[in-house]
Protein backbone atom coordinates (compact mmCIF):
# COMPACT_ATOMS: atom_id res chain seq x y z
CA UNK A 1 73.05 43.59 56.92
CA UNK A 2 71.47 40.26 56.07
CA UNK A 3 71.41 37.90 59.02
CA UNK A 4 73.13 34.57 58.40
CA UNK A 5 70.72 31.66 58.76
CA UNK A 6 71.81 28.06 59.26
CA UNK A 7 69.71 25.13 58.09
CA UNK A 8 69.51 21.49 59.07
CA UNK A 9 67.35 18.52 58.12
CA UNK A 10 64.09 18.07 60.04
CA UNK A 11 62.03 15.05 58.98
CA UNK A 12 58.27 15.63 58.90
CA UNK A 13 57.68 12.48 60.97
CA UNK A 14 60.45 13.12 63.50
CA UNK A 15 57.88 13.27 66.31
CA UNK A 16 57.24 9.54 65.80
CA UNK A 17 60.88 8.53 66.28
CA UNK A 18 61.13 5.96 69.09
CA UNK A 19 63.60 8.04 71.13
CA UNK A 20 61.64 11.26 70.69
CA UNK A 21 58.47 9.41 71.68
CA UNK A 22 60.24 8.54 74.91
CA UNK A 23 60.90 12.25 75.54
CA UNK A 24 57.30 13.14 74.71
CA UNK A 25 55.97 10.46 77.08
CA UNK A 26 58.13 11.77 79.90
CA UNK A 27 57.95 15.54 79.36
CA UNK A 28 55.23 16.16 76.78
CA UNK A 29 55.69 18.74 74.06
CA UNK A 30 57.87 20.82 76.38
CA UNK A 31 60.55 18.14 76.24
CA UNK A 32 60.10 17.79 72.46
CA UNK A 33 60.51 21.54 72.01
CA UNK A 34 63.60 21.64 74.25
CA UNK A 35 65.18 18.85 72.16
CA UNK A 36 64.78 20.80 68.91
CA UNK A 37 65.95 24.04 70.55
CA UNK A 38 69.15 22.22 71.59
CA UNK A 39 69.59 20.96 68.00
CA UNK A 40 69.21 24.54 66.73
CA UNK A 41 71.88 25.76 69.16
CA UNK A 42 74.24 22.96 68.10
CA UNK A 43 73.74 23.84 64.42
CA UNK A 44 74.82 27.42 65.12
CA UNK A 45 78.25 26.30 66.38
CA UNK A 46 81.26 25.62 64.14
CA UNK A 47 81.86 22.07 65.40
CA UNK A 48 78.18 21.24 66.18
CA UNK A 49 79.01 20.88 69.89
CA UNK A 50 78.21 22.61 73.18
CA UNK A 51 79.74 22.43 76.69
CA UNK A 52 77.98 20.19 79.22
CA UNK A 53 77.22 23.12 81.50
CA UNK A 54 73.47 22.66 81.08
CA UNK A 55 72.62 25.60 83.36
CA UNK A 56 73.23 28.10 80.55
CA UNK A 57 70.91 26.26 78.13
CA UNK A 58 68.29 25.91 80.88
CA UNK A 59 68.47 29.63 81.61
CA UNK A 60 68.11 30.55 77.94
CA UNK A 61 65.13 28.20 77.37
CA UNK A 62 63.50 28.98 80.74
CA UNK A 63 63.38 25.32 81.78
CA UNK A 64 65.04 23.31 84.54
CA UNK A 65 68.66 22.18 84.27
CA UNK A 66 67.50 18.64 85.14
CA UNK A 67 65.25 18.55 82.07
CA UNK A 68 68.08 19.60 79.74
CA UNK A 69 70.49 17.08 81.27
CA UNK A 70 67.91 14.27 81.04
CA UNK A 71 67.22 14.95 77.35
CA UNK A 72 70.93 15.10 76.49
CA UNK A 73 72.16 12.13 78.51
CA UNK A 74 69.32 9.64 78.88
CA UNK A 75 67.89 8.95 75.40
CA UNK A 76 70.93 7.99 73.27
CA UNK A 77 70.36 11.02 71.02
CA UNK A 78 73.63 12.74 71.88
CA UNK A 79 77.30 11.84 72.38
CA UNK A 80 78.77 13.26 75.60
CA UNK A 81 82.57 13.34 75.89
CA UNK A 82 85.41 15.63 76.95
CA UNK A 83 83.07 18.11 78.59
CA UNK A 84 81.01 18.59 75.40
CA UNK A 85 78.04 16.97 73.71
CA UNK A 86 76.98 16.50 70.08
CA UNK A 87 73.88 15.26 68.28
CA UNK A 88 74.46 11.92 66.54
CA UNK A 89 71.87 12.68 63.87
CA UNK A 90 72.93 16.30 63.27
CA UNK A 91 76.61 15.36 62.82
CA UNK A 92 75.63 12.63 60.33
CA UNK A 93 73.33 14.94 58.36
CA UNK A 94 75.86 17.78 58.22
CA UNK A 95 78.57 15.39 57.03
CA UNK A 96 76.28 14.26 54.19
CA UNK A 97 75.40 17.87 53.36
CA UNK A 98 79.11 18.74 53.20
CA UNK A 99 79.67 15.91 50.69
CA UNK A 100 76.77 17.11 48.54
CA UNK A 101 78.11 20.68 48.57
CA UNK A 102 81.52 19.51 47.43
CA UNK A 103 79.95 17.37 44.68
CA UNK A 104 77.97 20.37 43.42
CA UNK A 105 81.10 22.53 43.50
CA UNK A 106 83.08 20.05 41.40
CA UNK A 107 80.15 19.59 38.99
CA UNK A 108 79.98 23.37 38.53
CA UNK A 109 83.68 23.60 37.68
CA UNK A 110 83.41 20.71 35.22
CA UNK A 111 80.32 22.28 33.64
CA UNK A 112 82.14 25.57 33.14
CA UNK A 113 85.09 23.79 31.58
CA UNK A 114 82.79 21.81 29.30
CA UNK A 115 81.09 25.00 28.15
CA UNK A 116 84.16 27.17 27.56
CA UNK A 117 86.98 24.71 27.13
CA UNK A 118 85.64 22.98 23.97
CA UNK A 119 84.43 25.97 21.93
CA UNK A 120 85.82 29.01 20.19
CA UNK A 121 83.73 31.33 22.33
CA UNK A 122 86.04 31.29 25.31
CA UNK A 123 85.75 34.57 27.21
CA UNK A 124 88.61 37.06 26.92
CA UNK A 125 91.39 36.94 29.46
CA UNK A 126 90.93 39.38 32.32
CA UNK A 127 93.36 40.74 34.85
CA UNK A 128 91.83 38.49 37.52
CA UNK A 129 93.23 35.02 38.19
CA UNK A 130 90.87 32.45 36.68
CA UNK A 131 90.63 28.69 36.93
CA UNK A 132 92.71 26.90 34.27
CA UNK A 133 90.30 25.57 31.65
CA UNK A 134 92.59 23.01 30.07
CA UNK A 135 93.17 20.84 33.13
CA UNK A 136 90.00 19.56 34.82
CA UNK A 137 90.21 18.97 38.54
CA UNK A 138 90.65 15.43 39.76
CA UNK A 139 87.30 14.49 41.34
CA UNK A 140 89.01 11.83 43.45
CA UNK A 141 91.19 14.40 45.19
CA UNK A 142 89.75 15.20 48.59
CA UNK A 143 89.40 18.89 49.42
CA UNK A 144 91.55 20.15 52.31
CA UNK A 145 89.85 19.50 55.61
CA UNK A 146 89.75 22.13 58.35
CA UNK A 147 91.92 21.37 61.34
CA UNK A 148 89.81 20.44 64.32
CA UNK A 149 90.96 21.51 67.75
CA UNK A 150 90.05 18.83 70.25
CA UNK A 151 88.44 20.25 73.35
CA UNK A 152 90.58 19.93 76.46
CA UNK A 153 89.38 17.20 78.77
CA UNK A 154 88.67 18.35 82.30
CA UNK A 155 88.30 16.10 85.32
CA UNK A 156 84.92 15.91 87.11
CA UNK A 157 86.45 17.91 89.96
CA UNK A 158 87.63 20.67 87.60
CA UNK A 159 84.21 20.75 85.89
CA UNK A 160 82.58 21.08 89.31
CA UNK A 161 84.98 23.92 90.18
CA UNK A 162 84.07 25.63 86.90
CA UNK A 163 80.36 25.39 87.77
CA UNK A 164 80.93 26.79 91.28
CA UNK A 165 83.00 29.69 89.93
CA UNK A 166 80.35 30.44 87.30
CA UNK A 167 77.66 30.50 89.98
CA UNK A 168 79.90 32.73 92.12
CA UNK A 169 80.29 35.23 89.27
CA UNK A 170 76.53 35.06 88.60
CA UNK A 171 75.69 35.90 92.21
CA UNK A 172 78.26 38.71 92.49
CA UNK A 173 77.20 40.24 89.16
CA UNK A 174 73.50 40.13 90.08
CA UNK A 175 74.17 41.74 93.44
CA UNK A 176 76.31 44.48 91.90
CA UNK A 177 74.27 45.16 88.73
CA UNK A 178 70.78 44.26 89.89
CA UNK A 179 70.17 41.95 86.94
CA UNK A 180 71.34 38.56 85.65
CA UNK A 181 74.47 38.17 83.52
CA UNK A 182 73.87 37.00 79.92
CA UNK A 183 76.28 34.13 79.34
CA UNK A 184 77.94 33.48 75.99
CA UNK A 185 80.09 30.50 75.03
CA UNK A 186 83.27 32.60 75.22
CA UNK A 187 82.39 33.64 78.79
CA UNK A 188 81.94 30.00 79.78
CA UNK A 189 85.40 29.20 78.41
CA UNK A 190 86.89 32.30 80.05
CA UNK A 191 86.04 30.95 83.52
CA UNK A 192 88.62 28.20 82.94
CA UNK A 193 91.13 30.86 81.87
CA UNK A 194 90.58 32.92 85.04
CA UNK A 195 90.97 29.82 87.23
CA UNK A 196 94.25 28.99 85.49
CA UNK A 197 95.63 32.50 86.00
CA UNK A 198 94.57 32.64 89.65
CA UNK A 199 96.32 29.31 90.23
CA UNK A 200 99.48 30.79 88.73
CA UNK A 201 99.48 33.49 91.45
CA UNK A 202 98.93 31.05 94.33
CA UNK A 203 101.35 29.20 96.59
CA UNK A 204 102.55 25.97 95.01
CA UNK A 205 101.16 23.95 97.93
CA UNK A 206 97.61 25.29 97.39
CA UNK A 207 97.31 25.09 93.60
CA UNK A 208 95.74 21.61 93.64
CA UNK A 209 93.34 22.39 96.49
CA UNK A 210 90.18 23.22 94.53
CA UNK A 211 88.40 24.65 97.58
CA UNK A 212 91.23 27.16 98.06
CA UNK A 213 91.22 27.96 94.33
CA UNK A 214 87.48 28.64 94.49
CA UNK A 215 87.89 30.91 97.54
CA UNK A 216 90.59 32.89 95.73
CA UNK A 217 88.34 33.20 92.65
CA UNK A 218 85.49 34.46 94.84
CA UNK A 219 87.75 36.99 96.56
CA UNK A 220 89.21 38.23 93.27
CA UNK A 221 85.78 38.84 91.72
CA UNK A 222 84.67 40.59 94.91
CA UNK A 223 87.77 42.83 94.79
CA UNK A 224 87.15 43.77 91.14
CA UNK A 225 83.57 44.81 91.83
CA UNK A 226 84.60 46.88 94.84
CA UNK A 227 88.04 48.29 93.97
CA UNK A 228 88.60 48.27 90.19
CA UNK A 229 88.18 51.37 88.03
CA UNK A 230 84.70 52.44 86.91
CA UNK A 231 85.11 51.21 83.31
CA UNK A 232 86.14 47.71 84.40
CA UNK A 233 83.27 47.42 86.84
CA UNK A 234 80.77 48.72 84.28
CA UNK A 235 81.89 46.28 81.57
CA UNK A 236 82.79 43.34 83.77
CA UNK A 237 82.51 39.87 82.24
CA UNK A 238 84.53 36.64 82.50
CA UNK A 239 85.95 37.33 79.03
CA UNK A 240 87.13 40.80 80.08
CA UNK A 241 88.70 39.49 83.30
CA UNK A 242 90.46 36.65 81.47
CA UNK A 243 91.83 38.86 78.68
CA UNK A 244 92.95 41.69 80.99
CA UNK A 245 93.81 39.61 84.05
CA UNK A 246 97.34 40.92 84.59
CA UNK A 247 96.27 44.53 84.07
CA UNK A 248 93.35 44.23 86.50
CA UNK A 249 95.41 42.28 89.03
CA UNK A 250 98.19 44.87 89.00
CA UNK A 251 95.69 47.70 89.30
CA UNK A 252 94.10 46.11 92.37
CA UNK A 253 97.49 45.50 94.00
CA UNK A 254 98.62 49.06 93.36
CA UNK A 255 95.37 50.48 94.73
CA UNK A 256 95.81 48.40 97.87
CA UNK A 257 99.48 49.36 98.16
CA UNK A 258 98.78 53.06 97.73
CA UNK A 259 96.09 52.84 100.37
CA UNK A 260 98.47 51.18 102.83
CA UNK A 261 96.07 48.25 103.20
CA UNK A 262 98.81 45.70 102.57
CA UNK A 263 102.42 46.52 103.27
CA UNK A 264 103.66 43.76 100.96
CA UNK A 265 101.55 44.67 97.92
CA UNK A 266 103.33 45.64 94.74
CA UNK A 267 106.68 43.97 95.40
CA UNK A 268 106.31 41.93 92.20
CA UNK A 269 107.37 38.43 93.29
CA UNK A 270 105.47 35.14 93.37
CA UNK A 271 105.40 34.96 97.16
CA UNK A 272 103.92 38.44 97.34
CA UNK A 273 101.24 37.51 94.79
CA UNK A 274 100.14 34.63 97.00
CA UNK A 275 100.15 36.95 100.03
CA UNK A 276 98.05 39.48 98.19
CA UNK A 277 95.48 36.83 97.22
CA UNK A 278 95.39 35.76 100.86
CA UNK A 279 94.63 39.35 101.85
CA UNK A 280 91.70 39.41 99.41
CA UNK A 281 90.36 36.18 100.88
CA UNK A 282 90.70 37.58 104.41
CA UNK A 283 88.74 40.66 103.35
CA UNK A 284 85.62 38.61 102.50
CA UNK A 285 85.83 36.22 105.47
CA UNK A 286 83.64 37.02 108.48
CA UNK A 287 85.64 37.81 111.63
CA UNK A 288 85.00 38.80 115.23
CA UNK A 289 85.62 42.51 114.49
CA UNK A 290 83.51 42.71 111.32
């Protein structure tokens, strides 16, 4: 299967741009290369945007997170908002390219109509639905635009919680598997989904306490790696946990209940869910008898 390749404009004298010169002065060609690698990653996304969790980009490019953050936020080359960032230049270029594509499409339709619509050599009608040749399209009519879904805006505290939970999963995965987890964009988003579902199981009074939420996340991941079935542990990822949260959660509760480790497990009410999470937290806390 042919691999899809995305293109974007790269001026031959881009290295002499004032803002890129600033990056080169500060970080040499390493910084220059990181900038273009970020642009390539942005071009591969549907909305030309990436989350501001720079640790994933840093890991992929084998550079420091501080370098990535500095390039994105300190040189006026990117727009950072709502937990995402975009390249000013790339968005402008892709918008122009989209206009050119549409102009070529309309010109092609008009050319076909000019060729077949004004001669006696019009091709025979086929069973397929064809464009009407008698009515040319109105070039002033704008093509339908795709609906853009605006990224949810998270508070700095929630973004920090997301980072801590990601690092928690990283550490637990590495300890269990013996190698680092390869993060994808969907896994980054799934961390937010897991946090939301854990909050749903917690006591109402604790749902806004981010430290307690983090501790419950840590305990839940620990329980999965130690008590879940073999298939779940083998294929564990944030995306899997998020998509099968209720199934995994119920499995863990039933395992605990069947083992008589928690007399309240499996009763199926909200209070019991909070109690079960508390038992998971207690299991990973150091105590005098451990």
